[in-house]
């Protein structure tokens, strides 16, 4: 519908471009992917709001700017194999499918798995596979991955996820704290292990199932 097309352009022009999102592929993907279709009819009117959107099940769609900047930091290329942790209704996976060769999207809520699978199928996102599994475990059977995108904040990052990165692989996630603010962080696997750097601050809602892991410290 024309109103949603206008809303998508406004999202790009008013939320992404002013906040250092310059990657042309990301802008094109988010300007064309119908975010509203991943929401219930009652929420479609706020599909392009500059905020996290509660979708039920204790889950959220991440704020568009936060998602775009995470993806930009991950430097996803057209030949990459990508793992999406906590895909929810599938919007983040749909954007990744427009950037990468193959996407494995892990979701633990069976209702969201069903919704994501149907919506992505309706959009002919044939290079995205939605699988049901423990978010903290990832999906090692299809690894290693060139990039891993965590769709929500986590208290700490399990080594089970970084272990699934290929050499040179990038993982992006918001590492949260008890005060409700988090740090969008880029992790990179190199010859000497995994390094990290903070990209920006983000108050992103938490994903379920992730706990503080004192054994994983940078």
Protein backbone atom coordinates (compact mmCIF):
# COMPACT_ATOMS: atom_id res chain seq x y z
CA UNK A 1 0.00 0.00 0.00
CA UNK A 2 1.12 3.54 -0.76
CA UNK A 3 0.97 4.63 2.88
CA UNK A 4 3.44 1.93 3.90
CA UNK A 5 5.75 2.73 0.99
CA UNK A 6 5.81 6.34 2.16
CA UNK A 7 6.43 5.22 5.74
CA UNK A 8 9.39 3.10 4.61
CA UNK A 9 10.95 6.04 2.76
CA UNK A 10 10.42 8.26 5.79
CA UNK A 11 12.06 5.63 8.01
CA UNK A 12 15.13 5.62 5.80
CA UNK A 13 15.30 9.41 5.40
CA UNK A 14 14.49 10.36 9.00
CA UNK A 15 15.83 7.46 11.08
CA UNK A 16 18.62 5.74 9.16
CA UNK A 17 20.45 8.34 7.09
CA UNK A 18 20.74 10.93 9.94
CA UNK A 19 22.21 8.20 12.18
CA UNK A 20 25.26 7.22 10.12
CA UNK A 21 23.63 4.44 8.10
CA UNK A 22 25.30 4.78 4.70
CA UNK A 23 25.44 1.20 3.38
CA UNK A 24 23.48 1.25 0.12
CA UNK A 25 22.45 -2.42 0.30
CA UNK A 26 21.03 -2.02 3.81
CA UNK A 27 19.16 1.13 2.85
CA UNK A 28 17.70 -0.57 -0.23
CA UNK A 29 16.64 -3.64 1.77
CA UNK A 30 14.94 -1.63 4.50
CA UNK A 31 13.32 0.72 2.02
CA UNK A 32 11.60 -2.17 0.25
CA UNK A 33 11.01 -4.93 2.83
CA UNK A 34 7.38 -4.74 4.09
CA UNK A 35 7.95 -4.53 7.84
CA UNK A 36 4.21 -4.21 8.41
CA UNK A 37 3.61 -7.79 7.24
CA UNK A 38 5.62 -9.11 10.19
CA UNK A 39 3.22 -7.48 12.65
CA UNK A 40 -0.38 -8.14 13.62
CA UNK A 41 -2.96 -5.95 11.91
CA UNK A 42 -3.42 -3.93 15.10
CA UNK A 43 0.27 -2.96 15.11
CA UNK A 44 0.82 -2.26 11.43
CA UNK A 45 0.11 1.44 11.88
CA UNK A 46 3.30 1.80 13.96
CA UNK A 47 5.42 -0.59 11.87
CA UNK A 48 7.93 2.15 10.99
CA UNK A 49 8.07 3.94 14.35
CA UNK A 50 11.54 4.84 15.63
CA UNK A 51 11.21 2.57 18.65
CA UNK A 52 11.18 -1.08 19.66
CA UNK A 53 7.74 -2.59 19.05
CA UNK A 54 6.27 -5.08 21.54
CA UNK A 55 4.84 -8.01 19.58
CA UNK A 56 3.70 -10.23 22.46
CA UNK A 57 5.38 -13.36 23.78
CA UNK A 58 7.65 -10.96 25.70
CA UNK A 59 9.35 -10.11 22.43
CA UNK A 60 10.05 -7.00 20.36
CA UNK A 61 11.01 -5.86 16.90
CA UNK A 62 14.22 -3.89 17.30
CA UNK A 63 14.23 -0.18 16.54
CA UNK A 64 15.04 0.18 12.81
CA UNK A 65 18.06 2.41 13.38
CA UNK A 66 19.60 -0.05 15.85
CA UNK A 67 19.08 -2.96 13.45
CA UNK A 68 20.53 -1.02 10.52
CA UNK A 69 23.64 0.07 12.41
CA UNK A 70 24.25 -3.46 13.69
CA UNK A 71 23.99 -4.84 10.16
CA UNK A 72 26.28 -2.13 8.84
CA UNK A 73 28.91 -3.03 11.44
CA UNK A 74 28.62 -6.72 10.49
CA UNK A 75 29.67 -5.88 6.89
CA UNK A 76 27.51 -8.63 5.39
CA UNK A 77 28.31 -9.46 1.79
CA UNK A 78 26.33 -11.20 -0.96
CA UNK A 79 28.22 -14.50 -0.60
CA UNK A 80 27.98 -14.67 3.21
CA UNK A 81 26.28 -17.37 5.27
CA UNK A 82 24.58 -15.68 8.22
CA UNK A 83 23.03 -16.88 11.49
CA UNK A 84 20.20 -14.82 12.99
CA UNK A 85 19.57 -15.44 16.70
CA UNK A 86 16.05 -14.70 17.95
CA UNK A 87 14.46 -13.92 14.60
CA UNK A 88 10.99 -13.42 16.16
CA UNK A 89 8.41 -12.88 13.42
CA UNK A 90 11.15 -12.85 10.77
CA UNK A 91 11.70 -9.22 9.78
CA UNK A 92 15.41 -9.14 10.66
CA UNK A 93 15.88 -12.42 8.78
CA UNK A 94 14.10 -10.94 5.76
CA UNK A 95 16.52 -8.01 5.69
CA UNK A 96 19.47 -10.38 6.07
CA UNK A 97 18.13 -12.48 3.21
CA UNK A 98 18.42 -9.44 0.95
CA UNK A 99 22.06 -8.93 1.97
CA UNK A 100 23.50 -12.44 2.20
CA UNK A 101 23.56 -15.70 0.25
CA UNK A 102 22.07 -17.90 2.98
CA UNK A 103 20.43 -17.13 6.32
CA UNK A 104 19.68 -19.56 9.16
CA UNK A 105 17.20 -17.93 11.56
CA UNK A 106 16.85 -19.51 15.01
CA UNK A 107 13.73 -18.95 17.10
CA UNK A 108 12.59 -20.81 20.21
CA UNK A 109 8.94 -19.70 20.36
CA UNK A 110 6.89 -22.12 18.21
CA UNK A 111 4.25 -19.50 17.36
CA UNK A 112 6.92 -17.11 16.12
CA UNK A 113 8.60 -19.90 14.16
CA UNK A 114 5.30 -20.56 12.38
CA UNK A 115 4.67 -16.86 11.73
CA UNK A 116 8.20 -16.19 10.45
CA UNK A 117 8.15 -19.24 8.21
CA UNK A 118 4.83 -18.28 6.62
CA UNK A 119 5.63 -14.60 6.11
CA UNK A 120 9.06 -15.28 4.64
CA UNK A 121 7.57 -17.90 2.34
CA UNK A 122 4.90 -15.43 1.19
CA UNK A 123 7.73 -13.00 0.33
CA UNK A 124 9.65 -15.71 -1.59
CA UNK A 125 12.62 -15.38 0.76
CA UNK A 126 13.91 -18.76 -0.40
CA UNK A 127 17.42 -18.26 0.98
CA UNK A 128 16.17 -17.96 4.58
CA UNK A 129 15.53 -21.07 6.71
CA UNK A 130 13.73 -20.66 10.06
CA UNK A 131 14.55 -23.34 12.63
CA UNK A 132 13.26 -23.95 16.16
CA UNK A 133 15.98 -24.13 18.77
CA UNK A 134 17.63 -22.75 21.88
CA UNK A 135 18.75 -19.20 21.16
CA UNK A 136 21.84 -19.52 23.33
CA UNK A 137 23.02 -22.58 21.39
CA UNK A 138 22.81 -21.10 17.89
CA UNK A 139 22.74 -23.63 15.05
CA UNK A 140 26.18 -25.26 14.74
CA UNK A 141 25.08 -27.82 12.14
CA UNK A 142 25.21 -25.17 9.40
CA UNK A 143 28.27 -23.33 10.69
CA UNK A 144 30.73 -21.83 10.64
CA UNK A 145 29.10 -18.50 9.76
CA UNK A 146 30.52 -15.41 8.15
CA UNK A 147 28.27 -13.28 10.35
CA UNK A 148 25.94 -13.75 13.32
CA UNK A 149 23.25 -11.19 14.18
CA UNK A 150 21.57 -11.29 17.60
CA UNK A 151 18.10 -9.70 17.43
CA UNK A 152 17.87 -8.29 20.94
CA UNK A 153 20.05 -7.54 23.93
CA UNK A 154 21.81 -10.20 26.01
CA UNK A 155 23.41 -9.98 29.43
CA UNK A 156 26.48 -11.80 28.17
CA UNK A 157 27.46 -13.58 25.01
CA UNK A 158 27.77 -17.38 25.24
CA UNK A 159 30.94 -18.87 23.81
CA UNK A 160 28.66 -21.34 21.98
CA UNK A 161 27.81 -18.50 19.59
CA UNK A 162 31.28 -17.09 19.00
CA UNK A 163 32.52 -20.65 18.47
CA UNK A 164 30.29 -20.77 15.37
CA UNK A 165 32.08 -17.87 13.68
CA UNK A 166 34.32 -18.60 10.71
CA UNK A 167 37.81 -17.10 10.60
CA UNK A 168 37.25 -13.40 10.07
CA UNK A 169 33.59 -13.82 11.04
CA UNK A 170 31.68 -10.99 12.68
CA UNK A 171 29.01 -11.12 15.38
CA UNK A 172 26.88 -8.13 16.37
CA UNK A 173 24.78 -7.92 19.51
CA UNK A 174 23.58 -5.45 22.11
CA UNK A 175 25.18 -6.35 25.43
CA UNK A 176 22.77 -5.11 28.09
CA UNK A 177 23.09 -4.21 31.73
CA UNK A 178 20.79 -4.05 34.75
CA UNK A 179 20.10 -0.34 34.22
CA UNK A 180 18.29 -1.04 30.95
CA UNK A 181 20.94 0.45 28.68
CA UNK A 182 23.20 -1.64 26.50
CA UNK A 183 26.19 -1.39 24.23
CA UNK A 184 25.90 -2.44 20.60
CA UNK A 185 29.08 -4.45 20.17
CA UNK A 186 31.01 -5.97 17.26
CA UNK A 187 32.88 -9.23 17.87
CA UNK A 188 35.41 -10.48 15.31
CA UNK A 189 37.15 -13.88 15.17
CA UNK A 190 40.81 -13.52 14.29
CA UNK A 191 43.95 -15.62 14.53
CA UNK A 192 44.33 -14.76 18.21
CA UNK A 193 40.72 -15.45 19.20
CA UNK A 194 37.71 -13.15 19.43
CA UNK A 195 38.10 -9.40 19.87
CA UNK A 196 35.35 -6.86 20.49
CA UNK A 197 34.60 -3.16 20.33
CA UNK A 198 31.59 -1.08 21.30
CA UNK A 199 29.85 0.64 18.38
CA UNK A 200 27.12 2.72 20.06
CA UNK A 201 24.69 2.77 23.01
CA UNK A 202 21.28 1.12 22.61
CA UNK A 203 18.40 0.55 25.03
CA UNK A 204 17.29 -2.65 23.29
CA UNK A 205 14.89 -5.09 25.06
CA UNK A 206 16.38 -8.38 26.19
CA UNK A 207 16.07 -11.74 24.49
CA UNK A 208 14.87 -14.59 26.72
CA UNK A 209 17.16 -17.34 27.92
CA UNK A 210 20.44 -15.45 28.10
CA UNK A 211 22.06 -15.18 31.53
CA UNK A 212 25.22 -13.62 32.89
CA UNK A 213 28.18 -15.84 32.09
CA UNK A 214 31.17 -15.06 34.31
CA UNK A 215 33.27 -17.40 32.19
CA UNK A 216 33.03 -15.16 29.13
CA UNK A 217 34.92 -11.92 29.62
CA UNK A 218 36.60 -9.56 27.17
